[in-house]
Protein backbone atom coordinates (compact mmCIF):
# COMPACT_ATOMS: atom_id res chain seq x y z
CA MET A 1 9.87 50.10 -10.12
CA GLU A 2 8.62 47.62 -8.40
CA ARG A 3 10.27 44.25 -9.05
CA ASP A 4 9.38 40.65 -9.28
CA HIS A 5 10.65 38.47 -6.13
CA GLN A 6 11.47 35.70 -8.63
CA GLY A 7 13.31 37.59 -11.22
CA ASP A 8 15.52 38.97 -8.39
CA ARG A 9 16.00 35.40 -7.35
CA LEU A 10 16.84 34.58 -10.97
CA GLN A 11 19.34 37.46 -11.62
CA GLY A 12 21.43 36.58 -8.53
CA ALA A 13 21.10 39.73 -6.61
CA VAL A 14 19.28 40.67 -3.17
CA LYS A 15 18.22 44.68 -3.39
CA PRO A 16 19.41 46.63 -0.07
CA THR A 17 16.10 48.06 -0.02
CA ARG A 18 14.06 45.03 1.22
CA SER A 19 12.48 45.03 4.01
CA ALA A 20 12.98 42.22 6.87
CA ALA A 21 9.71 40.89 6.31
CA LEU A 22 10.39 40.41 2.54
CA LEU A 23 13.40 38.44 3.36
CA LEU A 24 11.89 36.18 5.76
CA ARG A 25 9.07 34.94 3.55
CA ASP A 26 12.01 34.54 0.94
CA GLY A 27 13.35 31.82 3.05
CA THR A 28 10.29 30.85 4.22
CA ASP A 29 9.16 30.25 0.61
CA ALA A 30 12.78 28.46 -0.29
CA MET A 31 12.13 26.16 2.60
CA ARG A 32 8.87 25.29 1.07
CA ARG A 33 9.78 24.29 -1.80
CA SER A 34 12.89 22.97 -0.45
CA SER A 35 10.34 20.63 1.41
CA ARG A 36 7.74 19.90 -1.86
CA THR A 37 11.16 18.99 -3.53
CA ALA A 38 12.32 16.49 -1.56
CA ILE A 39 9.37 15.07 -0.32
CA GLU A 40 8.75 14.56 -4.71
CA GLN A 41 12.08 13.12 -4.77
CA ALA A 42 11.31 10.07 -1.87
CA MET A 43 8.55 9.27 -3.86
CA ASN A 44 10.13 9.31 -7.03
CA ASP A 45 13.47 7.25 -5.22
CA PRO A 46 12.14 5.61 -2.76
CA VAL A 47 14.46 3.61 0.07
CA PRO A 48 15.11 -0.13 -0.68
CA SER A 49 13.38 -1.92 1.54
CA PHE A 50 15.93 -4.95 2.22
CA HIS A 51 18.89 -5.24 4.37
CA PRO A 52 21.91 -4.04 2.17
CA SER A 53 24.31 -6.96 3.51
CA PRO A 54 22.42 -9.32 5.39
CA SER A 55 24.23 -11.66 7.93
CA ARG A 56 25.38 -15.20 7.28
CA PRO A 57 23.00 -17.46 8.78
CA LYS A 58 24.52 -19.84 11.94
CA LEU A 59 21.57 -22.93 11.02
CA ARG A 60 22.55 -24.90 7.82
CA LEU A 61 19.79 -25.04 5.73
CA PRO A 62 19.27 -28.80 4.57
CA ALA A 63 19.82 -29.61 0.92
CA GLY A 64 16.86 -28.30 -1.77
CA ALA A 65 15.52 -25.75 0.86
CA CYS A 66 13.01 -23.36 -0.27
CA ASP A 67 12.27 -19.78 0.25
CA ALA A 68 8.26 -20.20 -0.61
CA HIS A 69 7.81 -16.69 -0.34
CA VAL A 70 9.51 -13.87 -1.91
CA HIS A 71 8.78 -10.82 -4.51
CA VAL A 72 10.61 -9.24 -6.64
CA PHE A 73 10.10 -5.21 -7.59
CA GLY A 74 11.51 -3.98 -10.96
CA SER A 75 13.99 -2.25 -12.40
CA GLN A 76 11.71 0.00 -13.30
CA ARG A 77 13.63 0.45 -16.40
CA VAL A 78 12.36 -2.88 -18.11
CA PHE A 79 9.65 -3.66 -15.98
CA PRO A 80 7.13 -0.58 -14.84
CA PHE A 81 5.04 -0.06 -12.00
CA ALA A 82 1.77 -0.12 -12.55
CA ALA A 83 -0.10 3.25 -12.87
CA ASP A 84 -2.73 2.23 -9.99
CA ARG A 85 -0.34 0.61 -7.19
CA PRO A 86 -1.08 0.79 -3.98
CA PHE A 87 2.67 1.32 -3.02
CA THR A 88 5.75 2.28 -4.76
CA PRO A 89 9.00 0.35 -3.57
CA ALA A 90 12.55 1.03 -4.50
CA ASP A 91 13.83 -1.74 -7.25
CA ALA A 92 15.01 -5.57 -5.82
CA PRO A 93 15.62 -7.38 -8.94
CA LYS A 94 16.22 -10.61 -9.78
CA GLU A 95 20.03 -10.65 -9.25
CA LYS A 96 19.58 -9.32 -5.47
CA LEU A 97 17.15 -12.11 -4.52
CA PHE A 98 19.58 -14.81 -6.67
CA ALA A 99 22.19 -13.03 -4.92
CA LEU A 100 20.70 -14.07 -1.50
CA HIS A 101 19.83 -17.03 -1.88
CA ALA A 102 22.99 -17.93 -2.85
CA MET A 103 24.23 -16.79 0.79
CA LEU A 104 21.49 -18.56 2.48
CA GLY A 105 22.34 -21.55 0.86
CA ILE A 106 18.57 -21.81 -1.18
CA GLU A 107 17.84 -23.59 -4.00
CA HIS A 108 14.36 -23.34 -4.57
CA CYS A 109 11.79 -20.06 -4.72
CA VAL A 110 8.62 -19.64 -5.10
CA ILE A 111 7.94 -15.75 -6.32
CA VAL A 112 4.92 -13.90 -5.70
CA GLN A 113 3.75 -11.07 -7.53
CA SER A 114 3.27 -7.81 -5.73
CA THR A 115 0.65 -5.61 -5.89
CA CYS A 116 2.86 -3.02 -7.22
CA HIS A 117 3.58 -4.76 -10.63
CA GLY A 118 -0.41 -5.18 -10.78
CA PHE A 119 -2.22 -8.06 -13.02
CA ASP A 120 1.10 -7.75 -14.99
CA ASN A 121 3.32 -11.06 -14.44
CA SER A 122 6.11 -10.10 -16.72
CA VAL A 123 8.88 -9.30 -14.02
CA VAL A 124 7.94 -13.10 -12.07
CA ALA A 125 7.84 -14.86 -15.53
CA ASP A 126 11.44 -13.04 -16.29
CA ALA A 127 12.73 -14.20 -12.92
CA LEU A 128 11.93 -17.64 -13.25
CA GLU A 129 13.00 -18.49 -16.47
CA ALA A 130 16.36 -17.35 -15.26
CA LYS A 131 16.25 -20.09 -12.95
CA ASN A 132 14.44 -23.05 -15.41
CA GLY A 133 12.56 -24.64 -13.30
CA ASP A 134 14.03 -24.26 -9.66
CA TYR A 135 11.62 -21.51 -9.00
CA ARG A 136 7.98 -21.13 -9.12
CA GLY A 137 5.47 -18.05 -9.17
CA VAL A 138 2.39 -17.24 -7.87
CA ALA A 139 0.25 -15.07 -9.78
CA LEU A 140 -1.76 -11.84 -9.13
CA LEU A 141 -4.69 -11.83 -11.91
CA PRO A 142 -8.80 -10.84 -11.79
CA ALA A 143 -10.94 -13.39 -11.51
CA THR A 144 -11.93 -12.99 -15.26
CA VAL A 145 -8.76 -14.17 -16.79
CA ASP A 146 -9.63 -16.51 -19.07
CA ASP A 147 -7.92 -20.09 -19.81
CA ALA A 148 -5.53 -19.13 -22.20
CA GLU A 149 -3.87 -16.75 -20.13
CA LEU A 150 -4.07 -19.01 -17.21
CA LYS A 151 -2.21 -21.82 -19.52
CA ARG A 152 0.53 -19.39 -20.49
CA LEU A 153 1.30 -18.61 -17.40
CA ASP A 154 1.40 -22.64 -16.42
CA ALA A 155 3.86 -23.02 -18.79
CA LEU A 156 6.10 -20.50 -17.31
CA GLY A 157 6.03 -21.85 -14.01
CA PHE A 158 2.94 -20.00 -12.41
CA ARG A 159 1.10 -22.87 -9.86
CA GLY A 160 -1.35 -20.41 -8.02
CA VAL A 161 -3.04 -16.87 -8.10
CA ARG A 162 -3.29 -15.15 -5.08
CA PHE A 163 -5.74 -12.51 -3.66
CA ASN A 164 -5.30 -9.99 -0.70
CA PHE A 165 -7.81 -8.70 1.72
CA MET A 166 -5.64 -6.28 3.12
CA LYS A 167 -7.03 -2.41 3.09
CA HIS A 168 -3.12 -1.03 2.48
CA LEU A 169 -3.08 -3.26 -0.79
CA GLY A 170 -6.24 -1.49 -1.87
CA LYS A 171 -9.57 -3.39 -2.96
CA GLY A 172 -9.38 -6.47 -5.24
CA ALA A 173 -11.80 -9.22 -6.21
CA GLY A 174 -14.39 -10.29 -3.47
CA ILE A 175 -13.72 -13.91 -1.41
CA GLU A 176 -16.69 -14.81 -3.64
CA GLU A 177 -15.03 -14.45 -7.18
CA ALA A 178 -11.94 -15.68 -5.45
CA ILE A 179 -13.97 -18.99 -5.36
CA ALA A 180 -15.57 -19.25 -8.09
CA LEU A 181 -12.57 -19.21 -10.06
CA GLY A 182 -11.60 -22.32 -8.26
CA GLY A 183 -12.94 -24.49 -10.60
CA ARG A 184 -10.79 -23.26 -13.01
CA LEU A 185 -7.91 -23.33 -11.41
CA ALA A 186 -8.48 -27.13 -10.24
CA LYS A 187 -7.66 -28.02 -14.05
CA LEU A 188 -4.64 -26.88 -14.09
CA GLY A 189 -3.65 -28.26 -10.49
CA TRP A 190 -3.26 -24.72 -8.89
CA HIS A 191 -4.07 -23.05 -5.71
CA LEU A 192 -5.44 -20.52 -4.54
CA GLN A 193 -3.08 -18.20 -2.25
CA VAL A 194 -5.14 -15.95 0.28
CA HIS A 195 -3.57 -12.85 2.19
CA PHE A 196 -6.45 -11.20 4.32
CA GLU A 197 -5.92 -9.20 8.26
CA ALA A 198 -6.99 -11.38 10.71
CA ALA A 199 -10.07 -9.65 11.78
CA LEU A 200 -11.39 -10.87 8.58
CA ILE A 201 -10.68 -14.65 9.29
CA GLU A 202 -14.27 -15.63 10.60
CA GLU A 203 -15.66 -13.97 7.68
CA LEU A 204 -13.76 -15.70 5.20
CA ALA A 205 -13.51 -18.60 6.66
CA PRO A 206 -16.82 -20.24 5.10
CA TRP A 207 -15.82 -19.43 1.78
CA LEU A 208 -12.15 -20.69 2.12
CA LYS A 209 -13.88 -24.16 2.77
CA ARG A 210 -16.09 -24.33 -0.14
CA SER A 211 -12.59 -23.68 -2.39
CA ALA A 212 -12.46 -26.62 -5.41
CA VAL A 213 -8.28 -26.41 -5.23
CA PRO A 214 -5.94 -26.27 -2.08
CA VAL A 215 -5.68 -22.67 -0.37
CA VAL A 216 -2.53 -21.59 0.76
CA ILE A 217 -2.43 -19.37 3.46
CA ASP A 218 -0.27 -16.25 4.17
CA HIS A 219 2.17 -14.46 7.28
CA MET A 220 0.28 -17.19 9.77
CA GLY A 221 -3.07 -15.59 8.89
CA ARG A 222 -1.52 -11.98 10.43
CA VAL A 223 -2.52 -12.67 13.87
CA ASP A 224 -1.81 -10.15 16.03
CA ALA A 225 1.46 -11.78 18.52
CA SER A 226 0.85 -9.74 21.45
CA LEU A 227 -2.79 -11.01 21.94
CA GLY A 228 -0.89 -14.86 22.22
CA LEU A 229 -2.44 -18.17 21.10
CA ASP A 230 -5.67 -18.36 22.36
CA GLN A 231 -6.81 -15.38 20.34
CA PRO A 232 -9.87 -16.37 18.20
CA ALA A 233 -8.12 -15.18 14.79
CA PHE A 234 -5.70 -17.98 15.63
CA ARG A 235 -7.87 -20.87 16.68
CA SER A 236 -10.06 -19.94 13.75
CA LEU A 237 -6.45 -20.21 11.68
CA LEU A 238 -5.69 -23.79 13.56
CA ASP A 239 -9.68 -25.05 12.96
CA LEU A 240 -8.91 -24.35 9.11
CA MET A 241 -5.62 -26.02 9.62
CA ARG A 242 -7.87 -29.31 10.15
CA ASP A 243 -9.10 -28.99 7.00
CA GLU A 244 -6.45 -31.16 4.72
CA ARG A 245 -6.78 -28.31 1.67
CA PHE A 246 -4.86 -25.72 3.59
CA ARG A 247 -1.52 -24.84 3.89
CA VAL A 248 -0.16 -21.90 6.28
CA LYS A 249 3.34 -19.97 5.26
CA VAL A 250 5.16 -20.21 8.71
CA SER A 251 6.44 -16.47 7.12
CA GLY A 252 6.34 -12.97 8.66
CA SER A 253 7.19 -13.55 11.74
CA GLU A 254 8.26 -9.73 11.75
CA ARG A 255 4.85 -9.19 11.00
CA ILE A 256 2.80 -10.67 12.95
CA SER A 257 5.21 -9.74 16.37
CA ARG A 258 4.81 -7.06 18.48
CA LYS A 259 8.98 -6.82 19.27
CA PRO A 260 11.87 -5.98 17.76
CA ALA A 261 13.93 -8.76 16.04
CA PRO A 262 14.17 -11.53 16.75
CA TRP A 263 10.32 -11.22 17.20
CA GLU A 264 10.21 -13.57 19.78
CA ASP A 265 6.27 -13.29 20.36
CA ALA A 266 6.22 -14.56 17.05
CA ILE A 267 7.94 -17.84 17.64
CA SER A 268 5.15 -20.24 19.16
CA PHE A 269 2.43 -19.50 16.50
CA ALA A 270 5.02 -20.57 13.76
CA ARG A 271 6.39 -24.00 16.08
CA LYS A 272 2.59 -24.93 16.87
CA LEU A 273 1.29 -24.72 13.33
CA VAL A 274 4.64 -26.84 12.66
CA ALA A 275 4.45 -29.09 14.84
CA GLU A 276 0.65 -30.02 14.26
CA PHE A 277 0.42 -29.71 11.17
CA GLY A 278 3.98 -30.47 9.82
CA GLU A 279 3.26 -31.66 6.22
CA ARG A 280 1.29 -28.73 5.38
CA THR A 281 3.61 -26.07 6.56
CA LEU A 282 5.55 -23.57 4.07
CA TRP A 283 8.29 -20.93 4.63
CA GLY A 284 9.61 -17.87 3.36
CA SER A 285 11.43 -14.78 4.24
CA ASP A 286 9.24 -12.17 2.54
CA TRP A 287 12.04 -10.90 0.54
CA PRO A 288 12.20 -7.85 -0.13
CA HIS A 289 10.29 -6.94 2.68
CA PRO A 290 7.83 -4.29 1.49
CA ASN A 291 5.74 -2.39 3.60
CA LEU A 292 7.73 -2.22 7.14
CA ALA A 293 8.96 0.12 9.40
CA ALA A 294 12.43 -1.45 10.47
CA VAL A 295 14.18 -3.20 7.33
CA PRO A 296 14.51 -7.23 8.86
CA ASP A 297 17.98 -9.01 8.31
CA ASP A 298 17.00 -11.87 6.64
CA GLY A 299 20.46 -14.16 8.06
CA VAL A 300 18.52 -13.46 11.95
CA LEU A 301 15.04 -14.75 10.26
CA VAL A 302 16.45 -17.94 8.88
CA ASP A 303 18.36 -18.79 12.38
CA LEU A 304 14.56 -18.34 13.76
CA LEU A 305 13.96 -21.68 11.81
CA ALA A 306 15.75 -23.61 14.88
CA GLU A 307 12.98 -22.42 17.35
CA ILE A 308 10.13 -22.55 14.79
CA ALA A 309 11.46 -26.03 13.62
CA PRO A 310 13.74 -27.46 16.10
CA THR A 311 14.33 -31.35 14.73
CA GLU A 312 16.36 -31.85 11.56
CA LYS A 313 13.09 -34.05 10.46
CA GLU A 314 10.82 -30.58 10.74
CA ARG A 315 13.16 -28.47 9.07
CA GLN A 316 13.08 -31.06 5.97
CA ALA A 317 9.38 -31.32 5.77
CA LEU A 318 9.20 -27.74 6.17
CA LEU A 319 11.88 -26.46 4.04
CA VAL A 320 12.36 -29.34 1.45
CA ASP A 321 9.79 -31.96 1.51
CA ASN A 322 6.33 -30.00 1.68
CA PRO A 323 7.46 -27.37 -0.90
CA ARG A 324 9.01 -29.42 -3.82
CA ARG A 325 5.61 -31.67 -3.66
CA PHE A 326 3.25 -28.73 -3.15
CA TYR A 327 4.85 -26.81 -6.17
CA GLY A 328 6.15 -29.44 -7.91
CA PHE A 329 10.14 -29.08 -7.92
CA ALA A 330 12.09 -31.81 -9.40
CA GLN A 331 13.86 -34.46 -7.07
């Protein structure tokens, strides 16, 4: 009688009459099933993107220091990820962020809604509520959002809307829609925050100059540090920054660098921005560092500030005065 292979396995017996070819096939099938299971498990249980035990920085930050660019993910049990998310991170909840900031000496923060949570900004709102005005939020919203929702988020501590122009984060609203929204954001005193690929800066710049509200550019415009300070994308960023409506985050050294930590090729870009536009630069750790090949040490990122903003006066402006004035933190 012909026997069913799966039935044999379930019964826990391998018949002595089976051929070597069948045994080899059985082993190959098992390996394939094991591989599929491992892949599915990795997708459902991703590895944390943040350092489990970051070093304590050597640099002492000034009182009232602000980390102006972080995200929070989940926990998924309480704040499920969006069905159409472009990536699935491990949980990086507010409690982990708060503990990190306590260790680093950071008192204020700006939490930026991540695409993994889509347009439901509840996870950021929850973290803002826990900090009672010490943290602010930047939302992800459709360009068609109604005024009532903007007012609701404003009352919760949100102060801007982010638009992504990055291929790996999926297609969103066009730049013309983002600029059109600015007229309604102006009524609340909000700003636009933009995250774009360096190759797009020439295309986006004319639109951004039409903005009715201040514009914050993420991660030094995502320039490629290996191309040097004279590259066209960085020159275009400097040109935008000569307009006083613009601000730039000197975050993302680990993203624009083409070298391993401590990302030495990125420092000159951040330093130049701080030196030339000291009253309109902001700094952020970018915790929990999604979509990076290597997990950065947050203590090392903080210590880079000694080179990015070499004087106490520059660090006071970058970390305390600029974010307090722009995001409305209390004295």
